[in-house]
Amino acid sequence: MIEFFLGGTRSGKSALAEAFADKSGLQVTYIATATAEDEQMHNRITQHQLSRPSQWALVEEPLYLADVINQNAASNKCLLIDCLTLWLCNCLFGKNKAFYLEQKKLLLKALENVPGQVVFVSNETNMGVIPAGEVSREFCDQSGIMHQELAALSDRVTLAVAGLAHVLKSPADKT
């Protein structure tokens, strides 16, 4: 089962996803994509670490998500991946567009028959005006395309707004 939590900055999406994973009754492996490039990001990462149950396993992987999913997915596990937009930035801007597109292709393939449960967290960035800068537009375009592709594969899609969960797609809706 694939669960997908979207929301804006500080919308509560990570807390909702963490609560969902915790209630799954499965062994949880938290897959962190963030890198601490500055003090503010280091503080965000620390805050996330403190909010997670200590018994959860941790894998830090900023680039090769498909590999981590293939290596860690199992019927008795819940993989919680936070966050896809940071992963997108790492791939797209830390490497290049071709690298990102190849990694995204591998990720979507890994999800086709993934055992257990996979929970994704991502920032919804496309609810405003079209950005003025080329780099920002490319990020928003790739983010929107990735979200559509992942939502199509997901059993449930939830939008977090002000800490509230708005279910956009449920298992009964999957086609």
Protein backbone atom coordinates (compact mmCIF):
# COMPACT_ATOMS: atom_id res chain seq x y z
CA MET A 1 0.00 0.00 0.00
CA ILE A 2 1.29 3.43 -0.92
CA GLU A 3 0.27 6.49 1.08
CA PHE A 4 1.08 10.00 -0.11
CA PHE A 5 0.95 13.06 2.16
CA LEU A 6 1.19 16.49 0.51
CA GLY A 7 1.10 19.94 2.05
CA GLY A 8 2.72 23.32 2.22
CA THR A 9 5.53 24.35 4.54
CA ARG A 10 4.57 23.70 8.19
CA SER A 11 1.20 22.30 7.12
CA GLY A 12 1.47 19.29 9.43
CA LYS A 13 2.08 16.75 6.64
CA SER A 14 5.07 15.11 8.34
CA ALA A 15 3.26 14.77 11.67
CA LEU A 16 0.24 13.22 9.93
CA ALA A 17 2.47 10.80 8.00
CA GLU A 18 4.42 9.87 11.13
CA ALA A 19 1.21 9.20 13.06
CA PHE A 20 -0.07 7.09 10.17
CA ALA A 21 3.17 5.06 10.05
CA ASP A 22 3.19 4.64 13.83
CA LYS A 23 -0.38 3.27 13.78
CA SER A 24 0.42 0.81 10.98
CA GLY A 25 1.60 -1.82 13.46
CA LEU A 26 4.56 -2.53 11.17
CA GLN A 27 8.28 -2.02 11.71
CA VAL A 28 8.95 1.54 10.56
CA THR A 29 12.03 2.62 8.65
CA TYR A 30 12.31 6.38 8.25
CA ILE A 31 14.07 7.34 5.01
CA ALA A 32 15.38 10.90 5.27
CA THR A 33 16.31 12.77 2.09
CA ALA A 34 17.39 16.07 3.65
CA THR A 35 20.94 17.30 3.81
CA ALA A 36 22.06 19.90 6.35
CA GLU A 37 23.61 22.56 4.12
CA ASP A 38 23.01 25.40 6.59
CA GLU A 39 22.16 25.96 10.26
CA GLN A 40 18.44 26.46 9.66
CA MET A 41 18.19 23.15 7.78
CA HIS A 42 20.24 21.45 10.50
CA ASN A 43 17.69 22.71 13.04
CA ARG A 44 14.78 21.41 10.94
CA ILE A 45 16.41 17.99 10.69
CA THR A 46 17.03 17.93 14.45
CA GLN A 47 13.37 18.84 15.10
CA HIS A 48 12.23 15.96 12.87
CA GLN A 49 14.61 13.54 14.60
CA LEU A 50 13.26 14.49 18.02
CA SER A 51 9.65 13.98 16.90
CA ARG A 52 10.18 10.38 15.74
CA PRO A 53 9.88 7.30 17.94
CA SER A 54 13.32 6.05 18.97
CA GLN A 55 12.59 2.46 17.87
CA TRP A 56 12.24 3.46 14.21
CA ALA A 57 15.13 2.54 11.96
CA LEU A 58 16.72 5.38 10.01
CA VAL A 59 18.20 5.46 6.52
CA GLU A 60 19.60 8.73 5.22
CA GLU A 61 19.58 8.83 1.42
CA PRO A 62 19.44 12.10 -0.52
CA LEU A 63 19.61 10.61 -4.06
CA TYR A 64 18.98 6.90 -4.59
CA LEU A 65 15.45 6.33 -3.24
CA ALA A 66 14.65 3.38 -5.51
CA ASP A 67 17.68 1.49 -4.21
CA VAL A 68 16.70 2.12 -0.59
CA ILE A 69 13.10 1.04 -1.22
CA ASN A 70 14.24 -2.13 -3.02
CA GLN A 71 16.66 -2.95 -0.17
CA ASN A 72 14.28 -2.22 2.73
CA ALA A 73 10.71 -2.95 1.63
CA ALA A 74 9.10 -6.03 3.16
CA SER A 75 5.59 -7.20 3.99
CA ASN A 76 6.17 -6.53 7.70
CA LYS A 77 7.62 -3.01 7.18
CA CYS A 78 6.43 0.52 6.70
CA LEU A 79 8.87 2.81 4.89
CA LEU A 80 8.32 6.51 5.61
CA ILE A 81 10.07 8.74 3.08
CA ASP A 82 10.36 12.42 4.02
CA CYS A 83 10.60 14.38 1.80
CA LEU A 84 10.19 13.99 -1.94
CA THR A 85 10.66 17.66 -2.82
CA LEU A 86 14.00 17.71 -0.99
CA TRP A 87 14.93 14.56 -2.93
CA LEU A 88 13.89 16.33 -6.14
CA CYS A 89 16.13 19.30 -5.27
CA ASN A 90 19.05 17.00 -4.44
CA CYS A 91 18.72 15.15 -7.76
CA LEU A 92 17.77 18.03 -10.03
CA PHE A 93 20.10 20.70 -8.68
CA GLY A 94 22.80 18.64 -6.96
CA LYS A 95 23.18 16.55 -10.11
CA ASN A 96 21.14 17.38 -13.25
CA LYS A 97 17.78 16.88 -14.93
CA ALA A 98 18.80 13.67 -16.71
CA PHE A 99 19.96 12.16 -13.39
CA TYR A 100 16.68 13.18 -11.72
CA LEU A 101 14.53 11.76 -14.53
CA GLU A 102 16.42 8.44 -14.39
CA GLN A 103 16.08 8.25 -10.58
CA LYS A 104 12.37 9.10 -10.80
CA LYS A 105 11.88 6.35 -13.38
CA LEU A 106 13.62 3.87 -11.07
CA LEU A 107 11.54 5.07 -8.11
CA LEU A 108 8.23 4.62 -9.92
CA LYS A 109 9.32 1.16 -11.11
CA ALA A 110 10.28 0.15 -7.55
CA LEU A 111 6.78 1.09 -6.41
CA GLU A 112 4.94 -1.02 -8.97
CA ASN A 113 4.87 -4.17 -6.77
CA VAL A 114 6.40 -2.95 -3.53
CA PRO A 115 5.67 -5.20 -0.53
CA GLY A 116 4.51 -3.74 2.78
CA GLN A 117 3.62 -0.11 3.17
CA VAL A 118 5.33 2.97 1.78
CA VAL A 119 4.45 6.45 3.03
CA PHE A 120 5.67 9.52 1.16
CA VAL A 121 5.77 13.14 2.33
CA SER A 122 6.15 15.99 -0.14
CA ASN A 123 5.68 19.74 -0.35
CA GLU A 124 2.85 21.00 -2.51
CA THR A 125 4.42 24.01 -4.21
CA ASN A 126 2.10 24.57 -7.16
CA MET A 127 -0.89 26.34 -5.62
CA GLY A 128 0.29 29.87 -6.33
CA VAL A 129 1.44 31.95 -9.23
CA ILE A 130 3.88 30.67 -11.83
CA PRO A 131 7.36 31.57 -10.53
CA ALA A 132 9.24 34.32 -12.37
CA GLY A 133 12.61 32.54 -12.44
CA GLU A 134 13.54 29.71 -14.79
CA VAL A 135 15.02 27.53 -12.01
CA SER A 136 11.92 27.93 -9.84
CA ARG A 137 9.62 27.14 -12.77
CA GLU A 138 11.61 23.99 -13.57
CA PHE A 139 11.38 22.87 -9.93
CA CYS A 140 7.62 23.51 -9.81
CA ASP A 141 7.07 21.77 -13.15
CA GLN A 142 9.05 18.68 -12.13
CA SER A 143 7.43 18.64 -8.69
CA GLY A 144 3.93 18.79 -10.17
CA ILE A 145 4.65 16.04 -12.69
CA MET A 146 6.21 13.83 -9.98
CA HIS A 147 3.23 14.39 -7.68
CA GLN A 148 0.77 13.42 -10.41
CA GLU A 149 2.69 10.24 -11.22
CA LEU A 150 3.00 9.24 -7.56
CA ALA A 151 -0.65 10.07 -6.83
CA ALA A 152 -1.68 7.76 -9.68
CA LEU A 153 0.24 4.89 -8.04
CA SER A 154 -0.87 5.69 -4.50
CA ASP A 155 -3.69 3.96 -2.68
CA ARG A 156 -4.36 7.06 -0.59
CA VAL A 157 -3.44 10.70 -1.12
CA THR A 158 -3.88 13.20 1.72
CA LEU A 159 -3.46 16.96 1.57
CA ALA A 160 -2.44 18.56 4.88
CA VAL A 161 -3.73 22.07 5.55
CA ALA A 162 -3.30 23.69 8.97
CA GLY A 163 -2.59 20.28 10.48
CA LEU A 164 -5.82 18.84 9.12
CA ALA A 165 -5.93 15.83 6.80
CA HIS A 166 -8.00 16.20 3.64
CA VAL A 167 -8.20 12.84 1.87
CA LEU A 168 -8.03 13.39 -1.90
CA LYS A 169 -7.94 9.72 -2.84
CA SER A 170 -8.78 6.64 -0.80
CA PRO A 171 -8.29 2.92 -1.51
CA ALA A 172 -11.83 2.66 -2.86
CA ASP A 173 -10.99 5.37 -5.44
CA LYS A 174 -7.91 3.63 -6.91
CA THR A 175 -8.33 2.72 -10.55
